[in-house]
């Protein structure tokens, strides 16, 4: 006998966190996600028993960091055996940390070579070195 109805899931709210490795590094990186979400569950053409209002979720994904705070992401979140979410997104970070202050380049002061002989001016005796 084929099922005659469906169950609809709508997310009402959620709170989660992301753990990532080296978030300022460019290139391909991985991350983990976990949190909780409030789901509105409705049966269409079927009766069912709702177990809870808040569902914990976990997820994982990969991202590619470009320059200037841009990144592309692919991720999968698991809410239950019935609900999984696959997303792709583009992220722009506006306040991703202060840029390092420029470092002043200090040029070494040249040291003049020691003078070993006097210069002769006019009729002076130039044979004596001082």
N, C-alpha and C. Protein backbone atom coordinates (compact mmCIF):
# COMPACT_ATOMS: atom_id res chain seq x y z
N UNK A 1 0.85 -1.18 0.00
CA UNK A 1 0.00 0.00 0.00
C UNK A 1 0.89 1.24 0.00
N UNK A 2 0.69 2.12 -0.94
CA UNK A 2 1.50 3.34 -1.08
C UNK A 2 1.01 4.40 -0.10
N UNK A 3 1.93 5.23 0.43
CA UNK A 3 1.52 6.30 1.34
C UNK A 3 0.62 7.31 0.62
N UNK A 4 -0.36 7.82 1.36
CA UNK A 4 -1.34 8.74 0.79
C UNK A 4 -1.16 10.18 1.23
N UNK A 5 -0.16 10.48 2.02
CA UNK A 5 0.03 11.84 2.52
C UNK A 5 1.50 12.19 2.61
N UNK A 6 1.74 13.42 3.03
CA UNK A 6 3.12 13.90 3.20
C UNK A 6 3.24 14.63 4.53
N UNK A 7 4.46 14.77 4.98
CA UNK A 7 4.76 15.55 6.17
C UNK A 7 5.63 16.72 5.74
N UNK A 8 5.22 17.93 6.10
CA UNK A 8 5.96 19.14 5.72
C UNK A 8 6.73 19.68 6.92
N UNK A 9 7.97 20.06 6.68
CA UNK A 9 8.83 20.64 7.71
C UNK A 9 9.14 22.08 7.33
N UNK A 10 8.92 23.00 8.25
CA UNK A 10 9.29 24.40 8.06
C UNK A 10 10.10 24.85 9.27
N UNK A 11 11.26 25.42 9.00
CA UNK A 11 12.10 25.92 10.10
C UNK A 11 11.56 27.27 10.57
N UNK A 12 11.33 27.41 11.87
CA UNK A 12 10.83 28.65 12.44
C UNK A 12 11.97 29.52 12.96
N UNK A 13 12.93 28.91 13.61
CA UNK A 13 14.07 29.63 14.17
C UNK A 13 15.20 28.64 14.38
N UNK A 14 16.37 29.16 14.60
CA UNK A 14 17.51 28.28 14.85
C UNK A 14 18.68 29.04 15.43
N UNK A 15 19.52 28.31 16.10
CA UNK A 15 20.74 28.87 16.65
C UNK A 15 21.82 27.80 16.53
N UNK A 16 22.92 28.16 15.90
CA UNK A 16 23.97 27.19 15.69
C UNK A 16 25.33 27.85 15.72
N UNK A 17 26.33 27.03 15.73
CA UNK A 17 27.70 27.51 15.72
C UNK A 17 28.51 26.77 14.68
N UNK A 18 29.58 27.42 14.24
CA UNK A 18 30.46 26.84 13.23
C UNK A 18 31.88 26.78 13.79
N UNK A 19 32.51 25.64 13.66
CA UNK A 19 33.91 25.49 14.02
C UNK A 19 34.69 25.28 12.73
N UNK A 20 35.66 26.14 12.49
CA UNK A 20 36.46 25.99 11.27
C UNK A 20 37.93 26.10 11.61
N UNK A 21 38.72 25.59 10.73
CA UNK A 21 40.16 25.62 10.88
C UNK A 21 40.71 26.78 10.06
N UNK A 22 41.58 27.59 10.67
CA UNK A 22 42.32 28.66 9.98
C UNK A 22 41.41 29.52 9.12
N UNK A 23 40.55 30.29 9.75
CA UNK A 23 39.54 31.02 8.99
C UNK A 23 40.10 32.15 8.14
N UNK A 24 41.32 32.62 8.38
CA UNK A 24 41.91 33.67 7.55
C UNK A 24 42.78 33.11 6.43
N UNK A 25 42.87 31.81 6.33
CA UNK A 25 43.73 31.19 5.32
C UNK A 25 42.99 31.08 4.00
N UNK A 26 43.68 31.31 2.89
CA UNK A 26 43.07 31.15 1.58
C UNK A 26 43.12 29.69 1.17
N UNK A 27 42.23 29.32 0.25
CA UNK A 27 42.20 27.96 -0.26
C UNK A 27 41.04 27.16 0.29
N UNK A 28 41.08 25.85 0.10
CA UNK A 28 40.01 24.94 0.49
C UNK A 28 40.15 24.54 1.96
N UNK A 29 39.07 24.74 2.73
CA UNK A 29 39.06 24.43 4.17
C UNK A 29 37.77 23.71 4.52
N UNK A 30 37.78 22.97 5.64
CA UNK A 30 36.58 22.30 6.12
C UNK A 30 36.03 22.96 7.36
N UNK A 31 34.77 22.66 7.70
CA UNK A 31 34.18 23.19 8.92
C UNK A 31 33.10 22.24 9.43
N UNK A 32 32.76 22.37 10.71
CA UNK A 32 31.70 21.61 11.36
C UNK A 32 30.66 22.59 11.88
N UNK A 33 29.41 22.15 11.92
CA UNK A 33 28.32 23.00 12.38
C UNK A 33 27.44 22.18 13.33
N UNK A 34 26.90 22.84 14.37
CA UNK A 34 25.99 22.18 15.30
C UNK A 34 25.07 23.23 15.90
N UNK A 35 23.88 22.81 16.31
CA UNK A 35 22.95 23.75 16.92
C UNK A 35 21.58 23.14 17.11
N UNK A 36 20.60 24.01 17.24
CA UNK A 36 19.22 23.60 17.42
C UNK A 36 18.31 24.46 16.57
N UNK A 37 17.16 23.89 16.19
CA UNK A 37 16.20 24.62 15.35
C UNK A 37 14.79 24.26 15.79
N UNK A 38 13.92 25.25 15.72
CA UNK A 38 12.51 25.01 15.97
C UNK A 38 11.83 24.70 14.65
N UNK A 39 11.17 23.56 14.57
CA UNK A 39 10.52 23.14 13.33
C UNK A 39 9.01 23.14 13.49
N UNK A 40 8.33 23.60 12.45
CA UNK A 40 6.88 23.50 12.37
C UNK A 40 6.59 22.31 11.46
N UNK A 41 5.99 21.27 12.03
CA UNK A 41 5.76 20.03 11.28
C UNK A 41 4.26 19.87 11.09
N UNK A 42 3.85 19.66 9.83
CA UNK A 42 2.43 19.48 9.51
C UNK A 42 2.24 18.24 8.66
N UNK A 43 1.19 17.52 8.93
CA UNK A 43 0.84 16.36 8.11
C UNK A 43 -0.22 16.76 7.10
N UNK A 44 -0.01 16.40 5.85
CA UNK A 44 -0.97 16.69 4.78
C UNK A 44 -1.52 15.34 4.30
N UNK A 45 -2.78 15.09 4.64
CA UNK A 45 -3.40 13.83 4.23
C UNK A 45 -2.95 12.63 5.04
N UNK A 46 -2.34 12.89 6.19
CA UNK A 46 -1.85 11.81 7.03
C UNK A 46 -1.86 12.29 8.48
N UNK A 47 -2.13 11.39 9.41
CA UNK A 47 -2.03 11.76 10.82
C UNK A 47 -0.71 11.23 11.36
N UNK A 48 -0.12 11.98 12.27
CA UNK A 48 1.16 11.58 12.85
C UNK A 48 1.26 12.18 14.24
N UNK A 49 2.20 11.69 15.01
CA UNK A 49 2.45 12.21 16.35
C UNK A 49 3.77 12.98 16.36
N UNK A 50 3.69 14.23 16.76
CA UNK A 50 4.88 15.08 16.81
C UNK A 50 5.65 14.78 18.08
N UNK A 51 6.96 14.49 17.93
CA UNK A 51 7.78 14.10 19.08
C UNK A 51 8.31 15.28 19.87
N UNK A 52 8.76 16.34 19.19
CA UNK A 52 9.30 17.50 19.90
C UNK A 52 9.24 18.74 19.01
N UNK A 53 9.41 19.91 19.65
CA UNK A 53 9.36 21.18 18.92
C UNK A 53 10.74 21.66 18.49
N UNK A 54 11.76 21.25 19.23
CA UNK A 54 13.13 21.69 18.93
C UNK A 54 13.93 20.47 18.48
N UNK A 55 14.65 20.64 17.41
CA UNK A 55 15.45 19.56 16.85
C UNK A 55 16.92 19.96 16.84
N UNK A 56 17.78 19.12 17.41
CA UNK A 56 19.21 19.37 17.33
C UNK A 56 19.70 19.00 15.94
N UNK A 57 20.73 19.70 15.46
CA UNK A 57 21.28 19.36 14.15
C UNK A 57 22.79 19.40 14.18
N UNK A 58 23.38 18.66 13.26
CA UNK A 58 24.83 18.67 13.05
C UNK A 58 25.06 18.83 11.55
N UNK A 59 26.24 19.29 11.22
CA UNK A 59 26.54 19.45 9.80
C UNK A 59 28.03 19.53 9.56
N UNK A 60 28.38 19.42 8.32
CA UNK A 60 29.76 19.56 7.90
C UNK A 60 29.78 20.17 6.51
N UNK A 61 30.92 20.70 6.15
CA UNK A 61 31.00 21.31 4.83
C UNK A 61 32.42 21.69 4.47
N UNK A 62 32.53 22.24 3.30
CA UNK A 62 33.80 22.73 2.81
C UNK A 62 33.61 24.12 2.25
N UNK A 63 34.68 24.88 2.27
CA UNK A 63 34.61 26.23 1.73
C UNK A 63 35.92 26.57 1.06
N UNK A 64 35.83 27.45 0.10
CA UNK A 64 37.02 27.92 -0.58
C UNK A 64 37.13 29.42 -0.32
N UNK A 65 38.18 29.82 0.38
CA UNK A 65 38.38 31.23 0.70
C UNK A 65 39.11 31.92 -0.44
N UNK A 66 38.51 33.00 -0.92
CA UNK A 66 39.15 33.86 -1.91
C UNK A 66 39.78 35.04 -1.17
N UNK A 67 40.25 36.02 -1.88
CA UNK A 67 40.82 37.21 -1.25
C UNK A 67 39.72 38.17 -0.82
N UNK A 68 40.05 39.11 0.02
CA UNK A 68 39.18 40.21 0.45
C UNK A 68 37.88 39.75 1.11
N UNK A 69 37.90 38.64 1.84
CA UNK A 69 36.74 38.24 2.63
C UNK A 69 35.66 37.47 1.88
N UNK A 70 35.86 37.07 0.64
CA UNK A 70 34.88 36.29 -0.12
C UNK A 70 35.16 34.81 0.03
N UNK A 71 34.09 34.01 0.09
CA UNK A 71 34.24 32.55 0.13
C UNK A 71 33.04 31.88 -0.50
N UNK A 72 33.24 30.69 -1.05
CA UNK A 72 32.17 29.85 -1.59
C UNK A 72 32.07 28.63 -0.68
N UNK A 73 30.81 28.21 -0.37
CA UNK A 73 30.60 27.12 0.59
C UNK A 73 29.66 26.06 0.03
N UNK A 74 29.92 24.81 0.42
CA UNK A 74 29.01 23.69 0.24
C UNK A 74 28.88 23.02 1.61
N UNK A 75 27.64 22.73 2.02
CA UNK A 75 27.48 22.10 3.33
C UNK A 75 26.25 21.20 3.39
N UNK A 76 26.28 20.29 4.34
CA UNK A 76 25.18 19.37 4.59
C UNK A 76 24.84 19.44 6.08
N UNK A 77 23.55 19.62 6.38
CA UNK A 77 23.09 19.62 7.77
C UNK A 77 22.10 18.48 7.96
N UNK A 78 22.22 17.77 9.06
CA UNK A 78 21.39 16.62 9.38
C UNK A 78 20.52 16.96 10.58
N UNK A 79 19.20 16.97 10.37
CA UNK A 79 18.24 17.24 11.45
C UNK A 79 17.65 15.94 11.98
N UNK A 80 17.24 15.06 11.11
CA UNK A 80 16.69 13.75 11.48
C UNK A 80 16.79 12.84 10.26
N UNK A 81 16.32 11.61 10.42
CA UNK A 81 16.38 10.69 9.28
C UNK A 81 15.47 11.16 8.14
N UNK A 82 14.51 12.03 8.45
CA UNK A 82 13.61 12.56 7.42
C UNK A 82 14.07 13.90 6.85
N UNK A 83 14.92 14.62 7.58
CA UNK A 83 15.26 15.99 7.18
C UNK A 83 16.77 16.17 7.11
N UNK A 84 17.26 16.39 5.91
CA UNK A 84 18.65 16.78 5.69
C UNK A 84 18.62 18.00 4.76
N UNK A 85 19.59 18.87 4.95
CA UNK A 85 19.63 20.11 4.18
C UNK A 85 20.99 20.22 3.50
N UNK A 86 20.99 20.37 2.19
CA UNK A 86 22.22 20.59 1.42
C UNK A 86 22.16 22.00 0.87
N UNK A 87 23.22 22.77 1.10
CA UNK A 87 23.22 24.16 0.64
C UNK A 87 24.55 24.50 -0.03
N UNK A 88 24.48 25.48 -0.91
CA UNK A 88 25.66 26.11 -1.48
C UNK A 88 25.45 27.61 -1.33
N UNK A 89 26.50 28.31 -1.03
CA UNK A 89 26.35 29.74 -0.77
C UNK A 89 27.63 30.49 -1.07
N UNK A 90 27.49 31.79 -1.18
CA UNK A 90 28.62 32.71 -1.32
C UNK A 90 28.57 33.62 -0.10
N UNK A 91 29.71 33.79 0.57
CA UNK A 91 29.78 34.56 1.80
C UNK A 91 30.75 35.72 1.61
N UNK A 92 30.37 36.89 2.12
CA UNK A 92 31.25 38.06 2.13
C UNK A 92 31.42 38.48 3.58
N UNK A 93 32.64 38.48 4.08
CA UNK A 93 32.93 38.90 5.46
C UNK A 93 33.39 40.35 5.42
N UNK A 94 32.62 41.22 6.09
CA UNK A 94 32.95 42.64 6.10
C UNK A 94 33.88 43.00 7.25
N UNK A 95 33.71 42.38 8.39
CA UNK A 95 34.53 42.68 9.57
C UNK A 95 35.31 41.43 9.96
N UNK A 96 36.15 40.95 9.07
CA UNK A 96 36.86 39.70 9.33
C UNK A 96 38.15 39.90 10.09
N UNK A 97 38.28 41.01 10.78
CA UNK A 97 39.49 41.25 11.57
C UNK A 97 40.27 42.42 11.01
N UNK A 98 41.00 43.05 11.88
CA UNK A 98 41.79 44.20 11.46
C UNK A 98 42.99 43.74 10.64
N UNK A 99 43.31 44.53 9.65
CA UNK A 99 44.49 44.24 8.85
C UNK A 99 45.72 44.61 9.68
N UNK A 100 46.79 43.86 9.53
CA UNK A 100 47.98 44.18 10.31
C UNK A 100 48.54 45.54 9.94
N UNK A 101 49.05 46.24 10.96
CA UNK A 101 49.63 47.56 10.73
C UNK A 101 50.89 47.42 9.89
N UNK A 102 51.11 48.39 9.00
CA UNK A 102 52.32 48.30 8.19
C UNK A 102 53.57 48.41 9.06
N UNK A 103 54.58 47.68 8.68
CA UNK A 103 55.84 47.68 9.41
C UNK A 103 56.78 48.68 8.74
N UNK A 104 57.32 49.60 9.54
CA UNK A 104 58.24 50.60 8.99
C UNK A 104 59.57 49.93 8.66
N UNK A 105 60.07 50.26 7.47
CA UNK A 105 61.37 49.74 7.06
C UNK A 105 62.42 50.76 7.46
N UNK A 106 63.36 50.35 8.28
CA UNK A 106 64.41 51.25 8.77
C UNK A 106 65.66 51.00 7.95
N UNK A 107 66.13 52.06 7.28
CA UNK A 107 67.36 51.97 6.50
C UNK A 107 68.55 52.21 7.43
N UNK A 108 69.60 51.42 7.32
CA UNK A 108 70.77 51.65 8.18
C UNK A 108 71.46 52.96 7.79
N UNK A 109 71.98 53.66 8.80
CA UNK A 109 72.69 54.92 8.58
C UNK A 109 74.09 54.58 8.09
N UNK A 110 74.52 55.16 6.95
CA UNK A 110 75.86 54.85 6.45
C UNK A 110 76.92 55.42 7.38
N UNK A 111 77.96 54.67 7.61
CA UNK A 111 79.08 55.10 8.46
C UNK A 111 80.21 55.55 7.54
N UNK A 112 80.66 56.82 7.67
CA UNK A 112 81.73 57.29 6.79
C UNK A 112 83.04 56.55 7.09
N UNK A 113 83.83 56.36 6.04
CA UNK A 113 85.13 55.70 6.19
C UNK A 113 86.07 56.63 6.95
N UNK A 114 86.97 56.10 7.77
CA UNK A 114 87.91 56.96 8.52
C UNK A 114 88.89 57.65 7.57
N UNK A 115 89.23 58.89 7.92
CA UNK A 115 90.17 59.68 7.12
C UNK A 115 91.57 59.37 7.63
N UNK A 116 92.48 58.98 6.73
CA UNK A 116 93.85 58.64 7.13
C UNK A 116 94.89 59.66 6.66
N UNK A 117 94.52 60.58 5.80
CA UNK A 117 95.48 61.59 5.33
C UNK A 117 94.77 62.93 5.22
N UNK A 118 95.56 64.03 5.32
CA UNK A 118 94.98 65.36 5.18
C UNK A 118 94.98 65.77 3.73
N UNK A 119 94.05 66.55 3.40
CA UNK A 119 94.04 67.11 2.05
C UNK A 119 94.94 68.34 2.02
N UNK A 120 95.66 68.55 0.93
CA UNK A 120 96.58 69.69 0.79
C UNK A 120 95.84 70.86 0.17
N UNK A 121 95.90 71.99 0.85
CA UNK A 121 95.29 73.21 0.32
C UNK A 121 96.40 74.24 0.19
N UNK A 122 96.57 74.74 -1.00
CA UNK A 122 97.56 75.78 -1.22
C UNK A 122 98.98 75.27 -1.02
N UNK A 123 99.82 76.07 -0.29
CA UNK A 123 101.23 75.74 -0.11
C UNK A 123 101.50 74.98 1.18
N UNK A 124 100.50 74.43 1.83
CA UNK A 124 100.72 73.72 3.09
C UNK A 124 101.52 72.45 2.87
N UNK A 125 102.17 72.03 3.91
CA UNK A 125 102.94 70.79 3.86
C UNK A 125 101.96 69.61 3.97
N UNK A 126 101.88 68.80 2.92
CA UNK A 126 100.92 67.69 2.89
C UNK A 126 101.56 66.35 3.18
N UNK A 127 102.76 66.36 3.62
CA UNK A 127 103.45 65.10 3.84
C UNK A 127 103.10 64.46 5.18
N UNK A 128 102.63 65.24 6.14
CA UNK A 128 102.34 64.70 7.47
C UNK A 128 100.89 64.22 7.54
N UNK A 129 100.69 63.00 7.83
CA UNK A 129 99.33 62.48 8.01
C UNK A 129 98.94 62.56 9.48
N UNK A 130 97.72 62.93 9.77
CA UNK A 130 97.26 63.03 11.15
C UNK A 130 96.25 62.00 11.44
